[in-house]
Amino acid sequence: DTGHEAPAVIERGAEFVLDGYDSMRRLLALTGLDLIDTGMSYYVRA
């Protein structure tokens, strides 16, 4: 609960799904789950 209209989902463990995650994508398709873009890039940090 963040106090905003909708609660937030946090990842306390594994987080980023990157290029090359072919086996994971296959299991996501098997279970009917979708990926979302985080709008930032794991690779670029100031």
PDB file of all heavy atoms in Angstrom:
ATOM      1  N   ASP A   1       0.854  -1.191   0.000  1.00  0.00           N
ATOM      2  CA  ASP A   1       0.000   0.000   0.000  1.00  0.00           C
ATOM      3  C   ASP A   1       0.888   1.239   0.000  1.00  0.00           C
ATOM      4  O   ASP A   1       1.687   1.441   0.914  1.00  0.00           O
ATOM      5  CB  ASP A   1      -0.898  -0.012   1.230  1.00  0.00           C
ATOM      6  CG  ASP A   1      -1.814   1.207   1.299  1.00  0.00           C
ATOM      7  OD1 ASP A   1      -1.930   1.919   0.281  1.00  0.00           O
ATOM      8  OD2 ASP A   1      -2.385   1.455   2.378  1.00  0.00           O
ATOM      9  N   THR A   2       0.758   2.054  -1.028  1.00  0.00           N
ATOM     10  CA  THR A   2       1.570   3.270  -1.125  1.00  0.00           C
ATOM     11  C   THR A   2       0.790   4.528  -0.769  1.00  0.00           C
ATOM     12  O   THR A   2       1.333   5.637  -0.833  1.00  0.00           O
ATOM     13  CB  THR A   2       2.121   3.425  -2.552  1.00  0.00           C
ATOM     14  OG1 THR A   2       1.021   3.534  -3.463  1.00  0.00           O
ATOM     15  CG2 THR A   2       2.984   2.228  -2.926  1.00  0.00           C
ATOM     16  N   GLY A   3      -0.505   4.350  -0.428  1.00  0.00           N
ATOM     17  CA  GLY A   3      -1.328   5.513  -0.126  1.00  0.00           C
ATOM     18  C   GLY A   3      -1.949   6.136  -1.351  1.00  0.00           C
ATOM     19  O   GLY A   3      -2.700   7.106  -1.237  1.00  0.00           O
ATOM     20  N   HIS A   4      -1.658   5.593  -2.517  1.00  0.00           N
ATOM     21  CA  HIS A   4      -2.237   6.091  -3.759  1.00  0.00           C
ATOM     22  C   HIS A   4      -3.468   5.257  -4.112  1.00  0.00           C
ATOM     23  O   HIS A   4      -3.817   4.305  -3.418  1.00  0.00           O
ATOM     24  CB  HIS A   4      -1.201   6.059  -4.876  1.00  0.00           C
ATOM     25  CG  HIS A   4      -0.063   7.005  -4.655  1.00  0.00           C
ATOM     26  ND1 HIS A   4       0.050   8.215  -5.301  1.00  0.00           N
ATOM     27  CD2 HIS A   4       1.026   6.924  -3.830  1.00  0.00           C
ATOM     28  CE1 HIS A   4       1.147   8.836  -4.899  1.00  0.00           C
ATOM     29  NE2 HIS A   4       1.760   8.066  -4.007  1.00  0.00           N
ATOM     30  N   GLU A   5      -4.088   5.610  -5.202  1.00  0.00           N
ATOM     31  CA  GLU A   5      -5.342   4.957  -5.578  1.00  0.00           C
ATOM     32  C   GLU A   5      -5.174   3.451  -5.749  1.00  0.00           C
ATOM     33  O   GLU A   5      -6.028   2.670  -5.319  1.00  0.00           O
ATOM     34  CB  GLU A   5      -5.867   5.567  -6.883  1.00  0.00           C
ATOM     35  CG  GLU A   5      -7.173   4.963  -7.367  1.00  0.00           C
ATOM     36  CD  GLU A   5      -7.675   5.610  -8.638  1.00  0.00           C
ATOM     37  OE1 GLU A   5      -7.075   6.624  -9.068  1.00  0.00           O
ATOM     38  OE2 GLU A   5      -8.664   5.111  -9.195  1.00  0.00           O
ATOM     39  N   ALA A   6      -4.091   3.037  -6.355  1.00  0.00           N
ATOM     40  CA  ALA A   6      -3.850   1.614  -6.572  1.00  0.00           C
ATOM     41  C   ALA A   6      -2.590   1.196  -5.826  1.00  0.00           C
ATOM     42  O   ALA A   6      -1.614   1.950  -5.756  1.00  0.00           O
ATOM     43  CB  ALA A   6      -3.702   1.325  -8.065  1.00  0.00           C
ATOM     44  N   PRO A   7      -2.576  -0.009  -5.243  1.00  0.00           N
ATOM     45  CA  PRO A   7      -1.356  -0.493  -4.597  1.00  0.00           C
ATOM     46  C   PRO A   7      -0.282  -0.775  -5.632  1.00  0.00           C
ATOM     47  O   PRO A   7      -0.551  -0.838  -6.834  1.00  0.00           O
ATOM     48  CB  PRO A   7      -1.820  -1.786  -3.908  1.00  0.00           C
ATOM     49  CG  PRO A   7      -2.992  -2.232  -4.713  1.00  0.00           C
ATOM     50  CD  PRO A   7      -3.670  -0.982  -5.180  1.00  0.00           C
ATOM     51  N   ALA A   8       0.949  -0.944  -5.172  1.00  0.00           N
ATOM     52  CA  ALA A   8       2.076  -1.218  -6.064  1.00  0.00           C
ATOM     53  C   ALA A   8       2.565  -2.639  -5.854  1.00  0.00           C
ATOM     54  O   ALA A   8       2.527  -3.165  -4.739  1.00  0.00           O
ATOM     55  CB  ALA A   8       3.210  -0.225  -5.806  1.00  0.00           C
ATOM     56  N   VAL A   9       3.014  -3.259  -6.926  1.00  0.00           N
ATOM     57  CA  VAL A   9       3.613  -4.591  -6.848  1.00  0.00           C
ATOM     58  C   VAL A   9       5.124  -4.429  -6.902  1.00  0.00           C
ATOM     59  O   VAL A   9       5.660  -3.868  -7.858  1.00  0.00           O
ATOM     60  CB  VAL A   9       3.132  -5.494  -7.995  1.00  0.00           C
ATOM     61  CG1 VAL A   9       3.836  -6.851  -7.932  1.00  0.00           C
ATOM     62  CG2 VAL A   9       1.620  -5.678  -7.927  1.00  0.00           C
ATOM     63  N   ILE A  10       5.803  -4.898  -5.872  1.00  0.00           N
ATOM     64  CA  ILE A  10       7.262  -4.826  -5.819  1.00  0.00           C
ATOM     65  C   ILE A  10       7.838  -6.233  -5.981  1.00  0.00           C
ATOM     66  O   ILE A  10       7.177  -7.225  -5.697  1.00  0.00           O
ATOM     67  CB  ILE A  10       7.764  -4.202  -4.509  1.00  0.00           C
ATOM     68  CG1 ILE A  10       7.329  -5.047  -3.301  1.00  0.00           C
ATOM     69  CG2 ILE A  10       7.269  -2.769  -4.377  1.00  0.00           C
ATOM     70  CD1 ILE A  10       7.926  -4.580  -1.974  1.00  0.00           C
ATOM     71  N   GLU A  11       9.077  -6.282  -6.445  1.00  0.00           N
ATOM     72  CA  GLU A  11       9.783  -7.555  -6.591  1.00  0.00           C
ATOM     73  C   GLU A  11      10.860  -7.624  -5.513  1.00  0.00           C
ATOM     74  O   GLU A  11      11.868  -6.933  -5.580  1.00  0.00           O
ATOM     75  CB  GLU A  11      10.419  -7.672  -7.981  1.00  0.00           C
ATOM     76  CG  GLU A  11       9.470  -7.519  -9.145  1.00  0.00           C
ATOM     77  CD  GLU A  11       8.467  -8.663  -9.255  1.00  0.00           C
ATOM     78  OE1 GLU A  11       8.615  -9.672  -8.533  1.00  0.00           O
ATOM     79  OE2 GLU A  11       7.533  -8.530 -10.060  1.00  0.00           O
ATOM     80  N   ARG A  12      10.634  -8.479  -4.526  1.00  0.00           N
ATOM     81  CA  ARG A  12      11.608  -8.617  -3.448  1.00  0.00           C
ATOM     82  C   ARG A  12      12.760  -9.531  -3.851  1.00  0.00           C
ATOM     83  O   ARG A  12      13.769  -9.611  -3.152  1.00  0.00           O
ATOM     84  CB  ARG A  12      10.912  -9.129  -2.193  1.00  0.00           C
ATOM     85  CG  ARG A  12       9.782  -8.219  -1.737  1.00  0.00           C
ATOM     86  CD  ARG A  12       9.226  -8.599  -0.393  1.00  0.00           C
ATOM     87  NE  ARG A  12      10.193  -8.392   0.675  1.00  0.00           N
ATOM     88  CZ  ARG A  12       9.890  -8.458   1.973  1.00  0.00           C
ATOM     89  NH1 ARG A  12       8.636  -8.724   2.343  1.00  0.00           N
ATOM     90  NH2 ARG A  12      10.818  -8.271   2.884  1.00  0.00           N
ATOM     91  N   GLY A  13      12.593 -10.199  -4.982  1.00  0.00           N
ATOM     92  CA  GLY A  13      13.655 -11.054  -5.499  1.00  0.00           C
ATOM     93  C   GLY A  13      13.900 -10.748  -6.952  1.00  0.00           C
ATOM     94  O   GLY A  13      14.095  -9.599  -7.350  1.00  0.00           O
ATOM     95  N   ALA A  14      13.872 -11.797  -7.787  1.00  0.00           N
ATOM     96  CA  ALA A  14      14.193 -11.662  -9.205  1.00  0.00           C
ATOM     97  C   ALA A  14      13.281 -10.666  -9.886  1.00  0.00           C
ATOM     98  O   ALA A  14      12.077 -10.689  -9.697  1.00  0.00           O
ATOM     99  CB  ALA A  14      14.084 -13.028  -9.880  1.00  0.00           C
ATOM    100  N   GLU A  15      13.857  -9.798 -10.724  1.00  0.00           N
ATOM    101  CA  GLU A  15      13.065  -8.702 -11.278  1.00  0.00           C
ATOM    102  C   GLU A  15      13.070  -8.607 -12.788  1.00  0.00           C
ATOM    103  O   GLU A  15      12.037  -8.732 -13.430  1.00  0.00           O
ATOM    104  CB  GLU A  15      13.535  -7.360 -10.690  1.00  0.00           C
ATOM    105  CG  GLU A  15      12.717  -6.190 -11.155  1.00  0.00           C
ATOM    106  CD  GLU A  15      12.416  -5.191 -10.058  1.00  0.00           C
ATOM    107  OE1 GLU A  15      12.797  -5.452  -8.911  1.00  0.00           O
ATOM    108  OE2 GLU A  15      11.801  -4.168 -10.351  1.00  0.00           O
ATOM    109  N   PHE A  16      14.213  -8.364 -13.407  1.00  0.00           N
ATOM    110  CA  PHE A  16      14.231  -7.980 -14.809  1.00  0.00           C
ATOM    111  C   PHE A  16      14.246  -9.177 -15.749  1.00  0.00           C
ATOM    112  O   PHE A  16      14.993 -10.129 -15.576  1.00  0.00           O
ATOM    113  CB  PHE A  16      15.435  -7.089 -15.097  1.00  0.00           C
ATOM    114  CG  PHE A  16      15.376  -5.779 -14.375  1.00  0.00           C
ATOM    115  CD1 PHE A  16      16.187  -5.547 -13.283  1.00  0.00           C
ATOM    116  CD2 PHE A  16      14.486  -4.794 -14.774  1.00  0.00           C
ATOM    117  CE1 PHE A  16      16.129  -4.339 -12.604  1.00  0.00           C
ATOM    118  CE2 PHE A  16      14.421  -3.584 -14.104  1.00  0.00           C
ATOM    119  CZ  PHE A  16      15.236  -3.357 -13.017  1.00  0.00           C
ATOM    120  N   VAL A  17      13.414  -9.089 -16.770  1.00  0.00           N
ATOM    121  CA  VAL A  17      13.383 -10.064 -17.857  1.00  0.00           C
ATOM    122  C   VAL A  17      14.027  -9.376 -19.064  1.00  0.00           C
ATOM    123  O   VAL A  17      13.488  -8.403 -19.587  1.00  0.00           O
ATOM    124  CB  VAL A  17      11.944 -10.509 -18.177  1.00  0.00           C
ATOM    125  CG1 VAL A  17      11.941 -11.513 -19.331  1.00  0.00           C
ATOM    126  CG2 VAL A  17      11.291 -11.109 -16.935  1.00  0.00           C
ATOM    127  N   LEU A  18      15.163  -9.905 -19.493  1.00  0.00           N
ATOM    128  CA  LEU A  18      15.969  -9.237 -20.507  1.00  0.00           C
ATOM    129  C   LEU A  18      15.993 -10.045 -21.795  1.00  0.00           C
ATOM    130  O   LEU A  18      15.425 -11.138 -21.883  1.00  0.00           O
ATOM    131  CB  LEU A  18      17.391  -9.036 -19.970  1.00  0.00           C
ATOM    132  CG  LEU A  18      17.485  -8.297 -18.626  1.00  0.00           C
ATOM    133  CD1 LEU A  18      18.909  -8.347 -18.101  1.00  0.00           C
ATOM    134  CD2 LEU A  18      17.010  -6.857 -18.755  1.00  0.00           C
ATOM    135  N   ASP A  19      16.664  -9.511 -22.793  1.00  0.00           N
ATOM    136  CA  ASP A  19      16.818 -10.235 -24.052  1.00  0.00           C
ATOM    137  C   ASP A  19      17.553 -11.554 -23.793  1.00  0.00           C
ATOM    138  O   ASP A  19      18.479 -11.616 -22.980  1.00  0.00           O
ATOM    139  CB  ASP A  19      17.614  -9.393 -25.054  1.00  0.00           C
ATOM    140  CG  ASP A  19      16.801  -8.231 -25.617  1.00  0.00           C
ATOM    141  OD1 ASP A  19      15.581  -8.210 -25.385  1.00  0.00           O
ATOM    142  OD2 ASP A  19      17.393  -7.359 -26.270  1.00  0.00           O
ATOM    143  N   GLY A  20      17.157 -12.606 -24.509  1.00  0.00           N
ATOM    144  CA  GLY A  20      17.783 -13.907 -24.333  1.00  0.00           C
ATOM    145  C   GLY A  20      17.059 -14.824 -23.377  1.00  0.00           C
ATOM    146  O   GLY A  20      17.437 -15.985 -23.232  1.00  0.00           O
ATOM    147  N   TYR A  21      15.994 -14.341 -22.741  1.00  0.00           N
ATOM    148  CA  TYR A  21      15.232 -15.174 -21.812  1.00  0.00           C
ATOM    149  C   TYR A  21      14.215 -16.009 -22.593  1.00  0.00           C
ATOM    150  O   TYR A  21      13.007 -15.929 -22.380  1.00  0.00           O
ATOM    151  CB  TYR A  21      14.519 -14.296 -20.788  1.00  0.00           C
ATOM    152  CG  TYR A  21      15.380 -13.780 -19.658  1.00  0.00           C
ATOM    153  CD1 TYR A  21      16.663 -13.305 -19.882  1.00  0.00           C
ATOM    154  CD2 TYR A  21      14.890 -13.756 -18.362  1.00  0.00           C
ATOM    155  CE1 TYR A  21      17.440 -12.820 -18.848  1.00  0.00           C
ATOM    156  CE2 TYR A  21      15.664 -13.267 -17.306  1.00  0.00           C
ATOM    157  CZ  TYR A  21      16.938 -12.805 -17.563  1.00  0.00           C
ATOM    158  OH  TYR A  21      17.707 -12.325 -16.535  1.00  0.00           O
ATOM    159  N   ASP A  22      14.699 -16.842 -23.483  1.00  0.00           N
ATOM    160  CA  ASP A  22      13.811 -17.581 -24.382  1.00  0.00           C
ATOM    161  C   ASP A  22      13.013 -18.657 -23.647  1.00  0.00           C
ATOM    162  O   ASP A  22      11.832 -18.859 -23.931  1.00  0.00           O
ATOM    163  CB  ASP A  22      14.623 -18.207 -25.511  1.00  0.00           C
ATOM    164  CG  ASP A  22      15.364 -17.164 -26.342  1.00  0.00           C
ATOM    165  OD1 ASP A  22      14.845 -16.032 -26.459  1.00  0.00           O
ATOM    166  OD2 ASP A  22      16.452 -17.467 -26.855  1.00  0.00           O
ATOM    167  N   SER A  23      13.655 -19.379 -22.747  1.00  0.00           N
ATOM    168  CA  SER A  23      12.953 -20.432 -22.013  1.00  0.00           C
ATOM    169  C   SER A  23      11.876 -19.836 -21.110  1.00  0.00           C
ATOM    170  O   SER A  23      10.774 -20.379 -20.996  1.00  0.00           O
ATOM    171  CB  SER A  23      13.941 -21.246 -21.179  1.00  0.00           C
ATOM    172  OG  SER A  23      14.899 -21.872 -22.001  1.00  0.00           O
ATOM    173  N   MET A  24      12.170 -18.720 -20.492  1.00  0.00           N
ATOM    174  CA  MET A  24      11.185 -18.075 -19.634  1.00  0.00           C
ATOM    175  C   MET A  24      10.004 -17.575 -20.457  1.00  0.00           C
ATOM    176  O   MET A  24       8.843 -17.721 -20.048  1.00  0.00           O
ATOM    177  CB  MET A  24      11.817 -16.923 -18.869  1.00  0.00           C
ATOM    178  CG  MET A  24      10.874 -16.264 -17.872  1.00  0.00           C
ATOM    179  SD  MET A  24      11.709 -15.045 -16.833  1.00  0.00           S
ATOM    180  CE  MET A  24      10.338 -14.502 -15.805  1.00  0.00           C
ATOM    181  N   ARG A  25      10.284 -17.017 -21.610  1.00  0.00           N
ATOM    182  CA  ARG A  25       9.199 -16.537 -22.464  1.00  0.00           C
ATOM    183  C   ARG A  25       8.307 -17.703 -22.915  1.00  0.00           C
ATOM    184  O   ARG A  25       7.100 -17.539 -23.055  1.00  0.00           O
ATOM    185  CB  ARG A  25       9.764 -15.789 -23.675  1.00  0.00           C
ATOM    186  CG  ARG A  25      10.372 -14.436 -23.317  1.00  0.00           C
ATOM    187  CD  ARG A  25      11.066 -13.817 -24.520  1.00  0.00           C
ATOM    188  NE  ARG A  25      11.736 -12.579 -24.165  1.00  0.00           N
ATOM    189  CZ  ARG A  25      11.180 -11.367 -24.233  1.00  0.00           C
ATOM    190  NH1 ARG A  25       9.926 -11.250 -24.648  1.00  0.00           N
ATOM    191  NH2 ARG A  25      11.849 -10.288 -23.889  1.00  0.00           N
ATOM    192  N   ARG A  26       8.901 -18.852 -23.148  1.00  0.00           N
ATOM    193  CA  ARG A  26       8.103 -20.007 -23.532  1.00  0.00           C
ATOM    194  C   ARG A  26       7.158 -20.424 -22.404  1.00  0.00           C
ATOM    195  O   ARG A  26       5.988 -20.742 -22.634  1.00  0.00           O
ATOM    196  CB  ARG A  26       9.031 -21.166 -23.910  1.00  0.00           C
ATOM    197  CG  ARG A  26       8.296 -22.446 -24.253  1.00  0.00           C
ATOM    198  CD  ARG A  26       9.219 -23.486 -24.858  1.00  0.00           C
ATOM    199  NE  ARG A  26      10.567 -23.466 -24.316  1.00  0.00           N
ATOM    200  CZ  ARG A  26      10.903 -23.974 -23.125  1.00  0.00           C
ATOM    201  NH1 ARG A  26       9.974 -24.514 -22.361  1.00  0.00           N
ATOM    202  NH2 ARG A  26      12.156 -23.931 -22.723  1.00  0.00           N
ATOM    203  N   LEU A  27       7.643 -20.388 -21.159  1.00  0.00           N
ATOM    204  CA  LEU A  27       6.780 -20.721 -20.026  1.00  0.00           C
ATOM    205  C   LEU A  27       5.712 -19.650 -19.803  1.00  0.00           C
ATOM    206  O   LEU A  27       4.589 -19.964 -19.399  1.00  0.00           O
ATOM    207  CB  LEU A  27       7.619 -20.905 -18.763  1.00  0.00           C
ATOM    208  CG  LEU A  27       8.515 -22.145 -18.726  1.00  0.00           C
ATOM    209  CD1 LEU A  27       9.250 -22.223 -17.399  1.00  0.00           C
ATOM    210  CD2 LEU A  27       7.719 -23.408 -18.980  1.00  0.00           C
ATOM    211  N   LEU A  28       6.058 -18.414 -20.073  1.00  0.00           N
ATOM    212  CA  LEU A  28       5.053 -17.349 -19.967  1.00  0.00           C
ATOM    213  C   LEU A  28       3.943 -17.561 -20.985  1.00  0.00           C
ATOM    214  O   LEU A  28       2.755 -17.385 -20.678  1.00  0.00           O
ATOM    215  CB  LEU A  28       5.705 -15.983 -20.166  1.00  0.00           C
ATOM    216  CG  LEU A  28       6.630 -15.502 -19.040  1.00  0.00           C
ATOM    217  CD1 LEU A  28       7.393 -14.252 -19.470  1.00  0.00           C
ATOM    218  CD2 LEU A  28       5.841 -15.222 -17.769  1.00  0.00           C
ATOM    219  N   ALA A  29       4.312 -17.965 -22.190  1.00  0.00           N
ATOM    220  CA  ALA A  29       3.299 -18.243 -23.211  1.00  0.00           C
ATOM    221  C   ALA A  29       2.450 -19.445 -22.815  1.00  0.00           C
ATOM    222  O   ALA A  29       1.226 -19.457 -23.015  1.00  0.00           O
ATOM    223  CB  ALA A  29       3.978 -18.489 -24.566  1.00  0.00           C
ATOM    224  N   LEU A  30       3.090 -20.439 -22.231  1.00  0.00           N
ATOM    225  CA  LEU A  30       2.372 -21.637 -21.800  1.00  0.00           C
ATOM    226  C   LEU A  30       1.318 -21.308 -20.749  1.00  0.00           C
ATOM    227  O   LEU A  30       0.227 -21.883 -20.749  1.00  0.00           O
ATOM    228  CB  LEU A  30       3.369 -22.651 -21.225  1.00  0.00           C
ATOM    229  CG  LEU A  30       2.793 -23.937 -20.633  1.00  0.00           C
ATOM    230  CD1 LEU A  30       2.218 -24.814 -21.737  1.00  0.00           C
ATOM    231  CD2 LEU A  30       3.874 -24.689 -19.851  1.00  0.00           C
ATOM    232  N   THR A  31       1.627 -20.363 -19.871  1.00  0.00           N
ATOM    233  CA  THR A  31       0.722 -20.011 -18.774  1.00  0.00           C
ATOM    234  C   THR A  31      -0.137 -18.789 -19.078  1.00  0.00           C
ATOM    235  O   THR A  31      -0.911 -18.346 -18.218  1.00  0.00           O
ATOM    236  CB  THR A  31       1.535 -19.761 -17.493  1.00  0.00           C
ATOM    237  OG1 THR A  31       2.569 -18.790 -17.759  1.00  0.00           O
ATOM    238  CG2 THR A  31       2.179 -21.039 -16.996  1.00  0.00           C
ATOM    239  N   GLY A  32      -0.013 -18.223 -20.286  1.00  0.00           N
ATOM    240  CA  GLY A  32      -0.854 -17.101 -20.682  1.00  0.00           C
ATOM    241  C   GLY A  32      -0.508 -15.791 -20.003  1.00  0.00           C
ATOM    242  O   GLY A  32      -1.374 -14.922 -19.854  1.00  0.00           O
ATOM    243  N   LEU A  33       0.743 -15.611 -19.623  1.00  0.00           N
ATOM    244  CA  LEU A  33       1.171 -14.392 -18.945  1.00  0.00           C
ATOM    245  C   LEU A  33       1.886 -13.457 -19.915  1.00  0.00           C
ATOM    246  O   LEU A  33       2.517 -13.900 -20.875  1.00  0.00           O
ATOM    247  CB  LEU A  33       2.087 -14.730 -17.768  1.00  0.00           C
ATOM    248  CG  LEU A  33       1.446 -15.569 -16.654  1.00  0.00           C
ATOM    249  CD1 LEU A  33       2.490 -15.951 -15.612  1.00  0.00           C
ATOM    250  CD2 LEU A  33       0.291 -14.799 -16.000  1.00  0.00           C
ATOM    251  N   ASP A  34       1.814 -12.160 -19.634  1.00  0.00           N
ATOM    252  CA  ASP A  34       2.405 -11.143 -20.496  1.00  0.00           C
ATOM    253  C   ASP A  34       3.538 -10.411 -19.784  1.00  0.00           C
ATOM    254  O   ASP A  34       3.567 -10.311 -18.552  1.00  0.00           O
ATOM    255  CB  ASP A  34       1.351 -10.119 -20.917  1.00  0.00           C
ATOM    256  CG  ASP A  34       0.232 -10.739 -21.745  1.00  0.00           C
ATOM    257  OD1 ASP A  34       0.543 -11.570 -22.610  1.00  0.00           O
ATOM    258  OD2 ASP A  34      -0.938 -10.385 -21.504  1.00  0.00           O
ATOM    259  N   LEU A  35       4.432  -9.870 -20.588  1.00  0.00           N
ATOM    260  CA  LEU A  35       5.489  -9.004 -20.081  1.00  0.00           C
ATOM    261  C   LEU A  35       5.111  -7.552 -20.304  1.00  0.00           C
ATOM    262  O   LEU A  35       4.419  -7.217 -21.269  1.00  0.00           O
ATOM    263  CB  LEU A  35       6.813  -9.294 -20.794  1.00  0.00           C
ATOM    264  CG  LEU A  35       7.471 -10.643 -20.512  1.00  0.00           C
ATOM    265  CD1 LEU A  35       8.688 -10.828 -21.410  1.00  0.00           C
ATOM    266  CD2 LEU A  35       7.864 -10.759 -19.046  1.00  0.00           C
ATOM    267  N   ILE A  36       5.582  -6.690 -19.410  1.00  0.00           N
ATOM    268  CA  ILE A  36       5.410  -5.254 -19.581  1.00  0.00           C
ATOM    269  C   ILE A  36       6.781  -4.594 -19.622  1.00  0.00           C
ATOM    270  O   ILE A  36       7.746  -5.105 -19.051  1.00  0.00           O
ATOM    271  CB  ILE A  36       4.577  -4.628 -18.440  1.00  0.00           C
ATOM    272  CG1 ILE A  36       5.249  -4.869 -17.082  1.00  0.00           C
ATOM    273  CG2 ILE A  36       3.151  -5.163 -18.458  1.00  0.00           C
ATOM    274  CD1 ILE A  36       4.633  -4.083 -15.948  1.00  0.00           C
ATOM    275  N   ASP A  37       6.868  -3.497 -20.320  1.00  0.00           N
ATOM    276  CA  ASP A  37       8.107  -2.727 -20.371  1.00  0.00           C
ATOM    277  C   ASP A  37       8.163  -1.822 -19.149  1.00  0.00           C
ATOM    278  O   ASP A  37       7.176  -1.166 -18.810  1.00  0.00           O
ATOM    279  CB  ASP A  37       8.161  -1.890 -21.648  1.00  0.00           C
ATOM    280  CG  ASP A  37       9.556  -1.375 -21.954  1.00  0.00           C
ATOM    281  OD1 ASP A  37      10.269  -0.991 -20.999  1.00  0.00           O
ATOM    282  OD2 ASP A  37       9.935  -1.346 -23.129  1.00  0.00           O
ATOM    283  N   THR A  38       9.312  -1.782 -18.483  1.00  0.00           N
ATOM    284  CA  THR A  38       9.451  -0.963 -17.282  1.00  0.00           C
ATOM    285  C   THR A  38       9.655   0.515 -17.591  1.00  0.00           C
ATOM    286  O   THR A  38       9.631   1.346 -16.683  1.00  0.00           O
ATOM    287  CB  THR A  38      10.621  -1.455 -16.429  1.00  0.00           C
ATOM    288  OG1 THR A  38      11.831  -1.360 -17.190  1.00  0.00           O
ATOM    289  CG2 THR A  38      10.400  -2.900 -15.996  1.00  0.00           C
ATOM    290  N   GLY A  39       9.890   0.851 -18.870  1.00  0.00           N
ATOM    291  CA  GLY A  39      10.090   2.249 -19.225  1.00  0.00           C
ATOM    292  C   GLY A  39      11.465   2.772 -18.903  1.00  0.00           C
ATOM    293  O   GLY A  39      11.767   3.950 -19.146  1.00  0.00           O
ATOM    294  N   MET A  40      12.332   1.923 -18.325  1.00  0.00           N
ATOM    295  CA  MET A  40      13.727   2.294 -18.059  1.00  0.00           C
ATOM    296  C   MET A  40      14.587   1.128 -18.523  1.00  0.00           C
ATOM    297  O   MET A  40      14.080   0.052 -18.850  1.00  0.00           O
ATOM    298  CB  MET A  40      13.961   2.580 -16.565  1.00  0.00           C
ATOM    299  CG  MET A  40      13.335   1.575 -15.603  1.00  0.00           C
ATOM    300  SD  MET A  40      14.188  -0.022 -15.432  1.00  0.00           S
ATOM    301  CE  MET A  40      15.709   0.489 -14.650  1.00  0.00           C
ATOM    302  N   SER A  41      15.877   1.342 -18.603  1.00  0.00           N
ATOM    303  CA  SER A  41      16.760   0.281 -19.045  1.00  0.00           C
ATOM    304  C   SER A  41      17.684  -0.116 -17.910  1.00  0.00           C
ATOM    305  O   SER A  41      18.376   0.731 -17.329  1.00  0.00           O
ATOM    306  CB  SER A  41      17.593   0.718 -20.252  1.00  0.00           C
ATOM    307  OG  SER A  41      18.470  -0.326 -20.642  1.00  0.00           O
ATOM    308  N   TYR A  42      17.696  -1.400 -17.628  1.00  0.00           N
ATOM    309  CA  TYR A  42      18.597  -1.939 -16.618  1.00  0.00           C
ATOM    310  C   TYR A  42      20.053  -1.551 -16.897  1.00  0.00           C
ATOM    311  O   TYR A  42      20.848  -1.348 -15.985  1.00  0.00           O
ATOM    312  CB  TYR A  42      18.455  -3.471 -16.603  1.00  0.00           C
ATOM    313  CG  TYR A  42      19.584  -4.173 -15.911  1.00  0.00           C
ATOM    314  CD1 TYR A  42      19.532  -4.398 -14.547  1.00  0.00           C
ATOM    315  CD2 TYR A  42      20.723  -4.565 -16.610  1.00  0.00           C
ATOM    316  CE1 TYR A  42      20.587  -5.012 -13.896  1.00  0.00           C
ATOM    317  CE2 TYR A  42      21.775  -5.169 -15.971  1.00  0.00           C
ATOM    318  CZ  TYR A  42      21.705  -5.390 -14.609  1.00  0.00           C
ATOM    319  OH  TYR A  42      22.751  -5.975 -13.971  1.00  0.00           O
ATOM    320  N   TYR A  43      20.407  -1.432 -18.152  1.00  0.00           N
ATOM    321  CA  TYR A  43      21.798  -1.260 -18.545  1.00  0.00           C
ATOM    322  C   TYR A  43      22.327   0.165 -18.374  1.00  0.00           C
ATOM    323  O   TYR A  43      23.533   0.385 -18.359  1.00  0.00           O
ATOM    324  CB  TYR A  43      21.968  -1.674 -20.007  1.00  0.00           C
ATOM    325  CG  TYR A  43      21.514  -3.073 -20.291  1.00  0.00           C
ATOM    326  CD1 TYR A  43      20.256  -3.315 -20.828  1.00  0.00           C
ATOM    327  CD2 TYR A  43      22.335  -4.157 -20.010  1.00  0.00           C
ATOM    328  CE1 TYR A  43      19.830  -4.611 -21.088  1.00  0.00           C
ATOM    329  CE2 TYR A  43      21.916  -5.454 -20.264  1.00  0.00           C
ATOM    330  CZ  TYR A  43      20.653  -5.673 -20.801  1.00  0.00           C
ATOM    331  OH  TYR A  43      20.225  -6.955 -21.049  1.00  0.00           O
ATOM    332  N   VAL A  44      21.445   1.139 -18.291  1.00  0.00           N
ATOM    333  CA  VAL A  44      21.874   2.541 -18.274  1.00  0.00           C
ATOM    334  C   VAL A  44      21.586   3.156 -16.919  1.00  0.00           C
ATOM    335  O   VAL A  44      20.425   3.311 -16.527  1.00  0.00           O
ATOM    336  CB  VAL A  44      21.159   3.355 -19.380  1.00  0.00           C
ATOM    337  CG1 VAL A  44      21.617   4.800 -19.347  1.00  0.00           C
ATOM    338  CG2 VAL A  44      21.415   2.728 -20.740  1.00  0.00           C
ATOM    339  N   ARG A  45      22.641   3.521 -16.206  1.00  0.00           N
ATOM    340  CA  ARG A  45      22.501   4.113 -14.877  1.00  0.00           C
ATOM    341  C   ARG A  45      23.438   5.315 -14.749  1.00  0.00           C
ATOM    342  O   ARG A  45      24.637   5.197 -15.012  1.00  0.00           O
ATOM    343  CB  ARG A  45      22.855   3.110 -13.776  1.00  0.00           C
ATOM    344  CG  ARG A  45      22.161   1.775 -13.915  1.00  0.00           C
ATOM    345  CD  ARG A  45      22.764   0.751 -12.956  1.00  0.00           C
ATOM    346  NE  ARG A  45      22.359  -0.600 -13.340  1.00  0.00           N
ATOM    347  CZ  ARG A  45      22.828  -1.700 -12.778  1.00  0.00           C
ATOM    348  NH1 ARG A  45      23.739  -1.611 -11.824  1.00  0.00           N
ATOM    349  NH2 ARG A  45      22.407  -2.876 -13.177  1.00  0.00           N
ATOM    350  N   ALA A  46      22.888   6.408 -14.335  1.00  0.00           N
ATOM    351  CA  ALA A  46      23.731   7.565 -14.054  1.00  0.00           C
ATOM    352  C   ALA A  46      24.477   7.320 -12.746  1.00  0.00           C
ATOM    353  O   ALA A  46      24.073   6.494 -11.925  1.00  0.00           O
ATOM    354  CB  ALA A  46      22.871   8.818 -13.949  1.00  0.00           C
TER     355      ALA A  46
END
